[in-house]
Amino acid sequence: MTFDIRQISELRAWLALDDDPAFVSGTPEYRYETRLAMTDDLKSRGIIDTGEWLMLVEEASTAYTEEVA
C-alpha cells in the first residue's frame, strides 16, 4: 500500500476549512463555492481522481444542505 503525502496534505487543507475563522464566518453559499473550487483544483492538478472528486462534491453538497436547512 502506498500513500501519497501530497494528497494527504491537500485533503487535510480541505478538511481544515471548518477550523478557519474567515471560512466559518462566510455565508453558506461562500463555504459551498469555496469547497467546490478547492475540489475542482485538486482534481485539475491530479491530486484526486474522479471518484474522490465526486465524494468531496457530495460532502460539500451535504454540508451546504445542512447549513441552509
PDB file of N, CA and C in Angstrom:
ATOM      1  N   MET A   1       0.854  -1.172   0.000  1.00  0.00           N
ATOM      2  CA  MET A   1       0.000   0.000   0.000  1.00  0.00           C
ATOM      3  C   MET A   1       0.903   1.239   0.000  1.00  0.00           C
ATOM      4  N   THR A   2       0.589   2.170  -0.880  1.00  0.00           N
ATOM      5  CA  THR A   2       1.361   3.412  -0.922  1.00  0.00           C
ATOM      6  C   THR A   2       0.461   4.576  -0.548  1.00  0.00           C
ATOM      7  N   PHE A   3       1.076   5.559   0.050  1.00  0.00           N
ATOM      8  CA  PHE A   3       0.358   6.761   0.428  1.00  0.00           C
ATOM      9  C   PHE A   3       0.980   7.933  -0.302  1.00  0.00           C
ATOM     10  N   ASP A   4       0.157   8.785  -0.827  1.00  0.00           N
ATOM     11  CA  ASP A   4       0.619   9.984  -1.494  1.00  0.00           C
ATOM     12  C   ASP A   4       0.603  11.119  -0.467  1.00  0.00           C
ATOM     13  N   ILE A   5       1.778  11.494   0.013  1.00  0.00           N
ATOM     14  CA  ILE A   5       1.891  12.516   1.056  1.00  0.00           C
ATOM     15  C   ILE A   5       1.278  13.831   0.585  1.00  0.00           C
ATOM     16  N   ARG A   6       1.470  14.162  -0.677  1.00  0.00           N
ATOM     17  CA  ARG A   6       0.895  15.406  -1.214  1.00  0.00           C
ATOM     18  C   ARG A   6      -0.623  15.357  -1.153  1.00  0.00           C
ATOM     19  N   GLN A   7      -1.205  14.215  -1.491  1.00  0.00           N
ATOM     20  CA  GLN A   7      -2.655  14.077  -1.445  1.00  0.00           C
ATOM     21  C   GLN A   7      -3.156  14.216  -0.011  1.00  0.00           C
ATOM     22  N   ILE A   8      -2.475  13.576   0.913  1.00  0.00           N
ATOM     23  CA  ILE A   8      -2.878  13.667   2.320  1.00  0.00           C
ATOM     24  C   ILE A   8      -2.830  15.111   2.798  1.00  0.00           C
ATOM     25  N   SER A   9      -1.772  15.798   2.459  1.00  0.00           N
ATOM     26  CA  SER A   9      -1.618  17.203   2.862  1.00  0.00           C
ATOM     27  C   SER A   9      -2.713  18.082   2.279  1.00  0.00           C
ATOM     28  N   GLU A  10      -3.003  17.888   1.006  1.00  0.00           N
ATOM     29  CA  GLU A  10      -4.032  18.693   0.334  1.00  0.00           C
ATOM     30  C   GLU A  10      -5.415  18.407   0.900  1.00  0.00           C
ATOM     31  N   LEU A  11      -5.707  17.154   1.185  1.00  0.00           N
ATOM     32  CA  LEU A  11      -7.012  16.813   1.743  1.00  0.00           C
ATOM     33  C   LEU A  11      -7.149  17.328   3.174  1.00  0.00           C
ATOM     34  N   ARG A  12      -6.058  17.352   3.914  1.00  0.00           N
ATOM     35  CA  ARG A  12      -6.096  17.957   5.251  1.00  0.00           C
ATOM     36  C   ARG A  12      -6.472  19.440   5.155  1.00  0.00           C
ATOM     37  N   ALA A  13      -5.929  20.121   4.155  1.00  0.00           N
ATOM     38  CA  ALA A  13      -6.257  21.543   3.968  1.00  0.00           C
ATOM     39  C   ALA A  13      -7.744  21.708   3.667  1.00  0.00           C
ATOM     40  N   TRP A  14      -8.305  20.813   2.863  1.00  0.00           N
ATOM     41  CA  TRP A  14      -9.732  20.867   2.537  1.00  0.00           C
ATOM     42  C   TRP A  14     -10.560  20.684   3.799  1.00  0.00           C
ATOM     43  N   LEU A  15     -10.164  19.710   4.616  1.00  0.00           N
ATOM     44  CA  LEU A  15     -10.895  19.438   5.852  1.00  0.00           C
ATOM     45  C   LEU A  15     -10.693  20.538   6.888  1.00  0.00           C
ATOM     46  N   ALA A  16      -9.550  21.204   6.852  1.00  0.00           N
ATOM     47  CA  ALA A  16      -9.241  22.262   7.819  1.00  0.00           C
ATOM     48  C   ALA A  16     -10.055  23.530   7.584  1.00  0.00           C
ATOM     49  N   LEU A  17     -10.748  23.610   6.468  1.00  0.00           N
ATOM     50  CA  LEU A  17     -11.583  24.790   6.215  1.00  0.00           C
ATOM     51  C   LEU A  17     -12.532  25.049   7.381  1.00  0.00           C
ATOM     52  N   ASP A  18     -13.069  24.001   7.951  1.00  0.00           N
ATOM     53  CA  ASP A  18     -14.035  24.156   9.036  1.00  0.00           C
ATOM     54  C   ASP A  18     -13.438  24.780  10.292  1.00  0.00           C
ATOM     55  N   ASP A  19     -12.111  24.855  10.367  1.00  0.00           N
ATOM     56  CA  ASP A  19     -11.439  25.479  11.502  1.00  0.00           C
ATOM     57  C   ASP A  19     -10.940  26.888  11.181  1.00  0.00           C
ATOM     58  N   ASP A  20     -11.147  27.337   9.958  1.00  0.00           N
ATOM     59  CA  ASP A  20     -10.678  28.652   9.527  1.00  0.00           C
ATOM     60  C   ASP A  20     -11.748  29.701   9.842  1.00  0.00           C
ATOM     61  N   PRO A  21     -11.442  30.668  10.715  1.00  0.00           N
ATOM     62  CA  PRO A  21     -12.446  31.673  11.103  1.00  0.00           C
ATOM     63  C   PRO A  21     -13.031  32.444   9.916  1.00  0.00           C
ATOM     64  N   ALA A  22     -12.216  32.768   8.942  1.00  0.00           N
ATOM     65  CA  ALA A  22     -12.720  33.505   7.773  1.00  0.00           C
ATOM     66  C   ALA A  22     -13.712  32.648   6.988  1.00  0.00           C
ATOM     67  N   PHE A  23     -13.408  31.370   6.854  1.00  0.00           N
ATOM     68  CA  PHE A  23     -14.298  30.458   6.145  1.00  0.00           C
ATOM     69  C   PHE A  23     -15.599  30.275   6.920  1.00  0.00           C
ATOM     70  N   VAL A  24     -15.496  30.037   8.205  1.00  0.00           N
ATOM     71  CA  VAL A  24     -16.668  29.787   9.053  1.00  0.00           C
ATOM     72  C   VAL A  24     -17.587  31.002   9.098  1.00  0.00           C
ATOM     73  N   SER A  25     -17.014  32.190   9.035  1.00  0.00           N
ATOM     74  CA  SER A  25     -17.835  33.404   9.117  1.00  0.00           C
ATOM     75  C   SER A  25     -18.507  33.754   7.794  1.00  0.00           C
ATOM     76  N   GLY A  26     -18.170  33.059   6.729  1.00  0.00           N
ATOM     77  CA  GLY A  26     -18.785  33.313   5.431  1.00  0.00           C
ATOM     78  C   GLY A  26     -20.200  32.752   5.355  1.00  0.00           C
ATOM     79  N   THR A  27     -20.887  33.114   4.304  1.00  0.00           N
ATOM     80  CA  THR A  27     -22.239  32.613   4.080  1.00  0.00           C
ATOM     81  C   THR A  27     -22.194  31.141   3.674  1.00  0.00           C
ATOM     82  N   PRO A  28     -23.303  30.442   3.812  1.00  0.00           N
ATOM     83  CA  PRO A  28     -23.332  29.051   3.342  1.00  0.00           C
ATOM     84  C   PRO A  28     -22.942  28.932   1.861  1.00  0.00           C
ATOM     85  N   GLU A  29     -23.370  29.911   1.066  1.00  0.00           N
ATOM     86  CA  GLU A  29     -23.029  29.894  -0.356  1.00  0.00           C
ATOM     87  C   GLU A  29     -21.521  30.042  -0.558  1.00  0.00           C
ATOM     88  N   TYR A  30     -20.898  30.941   0.202  1.00  0.00           N
ATOM     89  CA  TYR A  30     -19.450  31.139   0.120  1.00  0.00           C
ATOM     90  C   TYR A  30     -18.722  29.848   0.490  1.00  0.00           C
ATOM     91  N   ARG A  31     -19.146  29.218   1.577  1.00  0.00           N
ATOM     92  CA  ARG A  31     -18.493  27.987   2.017  1.00  0.00           C
ATOM     93  C   ARG A  31     -18.660  26.886   0.965  1.00  0.00           C
ATOM     94  N   TYR A  32     -19.848  26.784   0.390  1.00  0.00           N
ATOM     95  CA  TYR A  32     -20.104  25.777  -0.644  1.00  0.00           C
ATOM     96  C   TYR A  32     -19.219  26.022  -1.873  1.00  0.00           C
ATOM     97  N   GLU A  33     -19.204  27.252  -2.335  1.00  0.00           N
ATOM     98  CA  GLU A  33     -18.400  27.589  -3.520  1.00  0.00           C
ATOM     99  C   GLU A  33     -16.909  27.390  -3.255  1.00  0.00           C
ATOM    100  N   THR A  34     -16.461  27.700  -2.052  1.00  0.00           N
ATOM    101  CA  THR A  34     -15.052  27.512  -1.704  1.00  0.00           C
ATOM    102  C   THR A  34     -14.699  26.035  -1.711  1.00  0.00           C
ATOM    103  N   ARG A  35     -15.558  25.229  -1.116  1.00  0.00           N
ATOM    104  CA  ARG A  35     -15.319  23.779  -1.113  1.00  0.00           C
ATOM    105  C   ARG A  35     -15.272  23.235  -2.545  1.00  0.00           C
ATOM    106  N   LEU A  36     -16.213  23.657  -3.372  1.00  0.00           N
ATOM    107  CA  LEU A  36     -16.229  23.176  -4.756  1.00  0.00           C
ATOM    108  C   LEU A  36     -14.995  23.633  -5.520  1.00  0.00           C
ATOM    109  N   ALA A  37     -14.581  24.879  -5.318  1.00  0.00           N
ATOM    110  CA  ALA A  37     -13.400  25.399  -6.012  1.00  0.00           C
ATOM    111  C   ALA A  37     -12.153  24.619  -5.607  1.00  0.00           C
ATOM    112  N   MET A  38     -12.017  24.331  -4.323  1.00  0.00           N
ATOM    113  CA  MET A  38     -10.866  23.547  -3.877  1.00  0.00           C
ATOM    114  C   MET A  38     -10.916  22.140  -4.455  1.00  0.00           C
ATOM    115  N   THR A  39     -12.097  21.565  -4.492  1.00  0.00           N
ATOM    116  CA  THR A  39     -12.258  20.217  -5.038  1.00  0.00           C
ATOM    117  C   THR A  39     -11.883  20.182  -6.512  1.00  0.00           C
ATOM    118  N   ASP A  40     -12.372  21.147  -7.273  1.00  0.00           N
ATOM    119  CA  ASP A  40     -12.034  21.223  -8.697  1.00  0.00           C
ATOM    120  C   ASP A  40     -10.529  21.413  -8.893  1.00  0.00           C
ATOM    121  N   ASP A  41      -9.919  22.235  -8.045  1.00  0.00           N
ATOM    122  CA  ASP A  41      -8.482  22.470  -8.133  1.00  0.00           C
ATOM    123  C   ASP A  41      -7.700  21.188  -7.855  1.00  0.00           C
ATOM    124  N   LEU A  42      -8.117  20.450  -6.835  1.00  0.00           N
ATOM    125  CA  LEU A  42      -7.436  19.198  -6.515  1.00  0.00           C
ATOM    126  C   LEU A  42      -7.507  18.224  -7.694  1.00  0.00           C
ATOM    127  N   LYS A  43      -8.651  18.156  -8.342  1.00  0.00           N
ATOM    128  CA  LYS A  43      -8.802  17.248  -9.493  1.00  0.00           C
ATOM    129  C   LYS A  43      -7.984  17.730 -10.686  1.00  0.00           C
ATOM    130  N   SER A  44      -8.019  19.023 -10.955  1.00  0.00           N
ATOM    131  CA  SER A  44      -7.295  19.541 -12.121  1.00  0.00           C
ATOM    132  C   SER A  44      -5.778  19.382 -11.971  1.00  0.00           C
ATOM    133  N   ARG A  45      -5.291  19.369 -10.738  1.00  0.00           N
ATOM    134  CA  ARG A  45      -3.851  19.174 -10.501  1.00  0.00           C
ATOM    135  C   ARG A  45      -3.477  17.707 -10.342  1.00  0.00           C
ATOM    136  N   GLY A  46      -4.462  16.814 -10.470  1.00  0.00           N
ATOM    137  CA  GLY A  46      -4.191  15.389 -10.404  1.00  0.00           C
ATOM    138  C   GLY A  46      -3.972  14.866  -8.992  1.00  0.00           C
ATOM    139  N   ILE A  47      -4.384  15.641  -7.991  1.00  0.00           N
ATOM    140  CA  ILE A  47      -4.233  15.228  -6.602  1.00  0.00           C
ATOM    141  C   ILE A  47      -5.267  14.151  -6.255  1.00  0.00           C
ATOM    142  N   ILE A  48      -6.466  14.289  -6.812  1.00  0.00           N
ATOM    143  CA  ILE A  48      -7.536  13.319  -6.582  1.00  0.00           C
ATOM    144  C   ILE A  48      -8.059  12.830  -7.927  1.00  0.00           C
ATOM    145  N   ASP A  49      -8.669  11.671  -7.903  1.00  0.00           N
ATOM    146  CA  ASP A  49      -9.270  11.132  -9.128  1.00  0.00           C
ATOM    147  C   ASP A  49     -10.759  11.479  -9.167  1.00  0.00           C
ATOM    148  N   THR A  50     -11.438  11.020 -10.182  1.00  0.00           N
ATOM    149  CA  THR A  50     -12.850  11.346 -10.367  1.00  0.00           C
ATOM    150  C   THR A  50     -13.717  10.833  -9.221  1.00  0.00           C
ATOM    151  N   GLY A  51     -13.441   9.645  -8.736  1.00  0.00           N
ATOM    152  CA  GLY A  51     -14.221   9.100  -7.621  1.00  0.00           C
ATOM    153  C   GLY A  51     -14.049   9.921  -6.354  1.00  0.00           C
ATOM    154  N   GLU A  52     -12.812  10.316  -6.078  1.00  0.00           N
ATOM    155  CA  GLU A  52     -12.544  11.143  -4.894  1.00  0.00           C
ATOM    156  C   GLU A  52     -13.160  12.529  -5.061  1.00  0.00           C
ATOM    157  N   TRP A  53     -13.105  13.049  -6.293  1.00  0.00           N
ATOM    158  CA  TRP A  53     -13.722  14.346  -6.590  1.00  0.00           C
ATOM    159  C   TRP A  53     -15.217  14.279  -6.290  1.00  0.00           C
ATOM    160  N   LEU A  54     -15.860  13.222  -6.757  1.00  0.00           N
ATOM    161  CA  LEU A  54     -17.296  13.065  -6.539  1.00  0.00           C
ATOM    162  C   LEU A  54     -17.627  12.985  -5.048  1.00  0.00           C
ATOM    163  N   MET A  55     -16.812  12.279  -4.280  1.00  0.00           N
ATOM    164  CA  MET A  55     -17.053  12.176  -2.838  1.00  0.00           C
ATOM    165  C   MET A  55     -16.959  13.549  -2.172  1.00  0.00           C
ATOM    166  N   LEU A  56     -15.977  14.355  -2.564  1.00  0.00           N
ATOM    167  CA  LEU A  56     -15.832  15.687  -1.970  1.00  0.00           C
ATOM    168  C   LEU A  56     -16.961  16.617  -2.399  1.00  0.00           C
ATOM    169  N   VAL A  57     -17.402  16.502  -3.652  1.00  0.00           N
ATOM    170  CA  VAL A  57     -18.538  17.311  -4.117  1.00  0.00           C
ATOM    171  C   VAL A  57     -19.786  16.936  -3.323  1.00  0.00           C
ATOM    172  N   GLU A  58     -20.002  15.646  -3.117  1.00  0.00           N
ATOM    173  CA  GLU A  58     -21.155  15.206  -2.324  1.00  0.00           C
ATOM    174  C   GLU A  58     -21.051  15.705  -0.884  1.00  0.00           C
ATOM    175  N   GLU A  59     -19.845  15.688  -0.329  1.00  0.00           N
ATOM    176  CA  GLU A  59     -19.660  16.187   1.034  1.00  0.00           C
ATOM    177  C   GLU A  59     -19.945  17.689   1.107  1.00  0.00           C
ATOM    178  N   ALA A  60     -19.500  18.434   0.099  1.00  0.00           N
ATOM    179  CA  ALA A  60     -19.780  19.873   0.050  1.00  0.00           C
ATOM    180  C   ALA A  60     -21.278  20.129  -0.070  1.00  0.00           C
ATOM    181  N   SER A  61     -21.946  19.336  -0.893  1.00  0.00           N
ATOM    182  CA  SER A  61     -23.396  19.487  -1.068  1.00  0.00           C
ATOM    183  C   SER A  61     -24.153  19.169   0.207  1.00  0.00           C
ATOM    184  N   THR A  62     -23.739  18.130   0.887  1.00  0.00           N
ATOM    185  CA  THR A  62     -24.372  17.744   2.145  1.00  0.00           C
ATOM    186  C   THR A  62     -24.182  18.846   3.195  1.00  0.00           C
ATOM    187  N   ALA A  63     -22.967  19.370   3.283  1.00  0.00           N
ATOM    188  CA  ALA A  63     -22.690  20.435   4.254  1.00  0.00           C
ATOM    189  C   ALA A  63     -23.549  21.662   3.950  1.00  0.00           C
ATOM    190  N   TYR A  64     -23.667  22.024   2.673  1.00  0.00           N
ATOM    191  CA  TYR A  64     -24.480  23.170   2.291  1.00  0.00           C
ATOM    192  C   TYR A  64     -25.951  22.944   2.662  1.00  0.00           C
ATOM    193  N   THR A  65     -26.453  21.775   2.346  1.00  0.00           N
ATOM    194  CA  THR A  65     -27.848  21.453   2.650  1.00  0.00           C
ATOM    195  C   THR A  65     -28.114  21.544   4.142  1.00  0.00           C
ATOM    196  N   GLU A  66     -27.196  21.043   4.943  1.00  0.00           N
ATOM    197  CA  GLU A  66     -27.351  21.104   6.391  1.00  0.00           C
ATOM    198  C   GLU A  66     -27.283  22.541   6.914  1.00  0.00           C
ATOM    199  N   GLU A  67     -26.449  23.368   6.287  1.00  0.00           N
ATOM    200  CA  GLU A  67     -26.275  24.742   6.731  1.00  0.00           C
ATOM    201  C   GLU A  67     -27.499  25.618   6.432  1.00  0.00           C
ATOM    202  N   VAL A  68     -28.178  25.351   5.334  1.00  0.00           N
ATOM    203  CA  VAL A  68     -29.323  26.195   4.959  1.00  0.00           C
ATOM    204  C   VAL A  68     -30.656  25.625   5.443  1.00  0.00           C
ATOM    205  N   ALA A  69     -30.628  24.419   5.962  1.00  0.00           N
ATOM    206  CA  ALA A  69     -31.878  23.803   6.434  1.00  0.00           C
ATOM    207  C   ALA A  69     -32.342  24.411   7.734  1.00  0.00           C
TER     208      ALA A  69
END
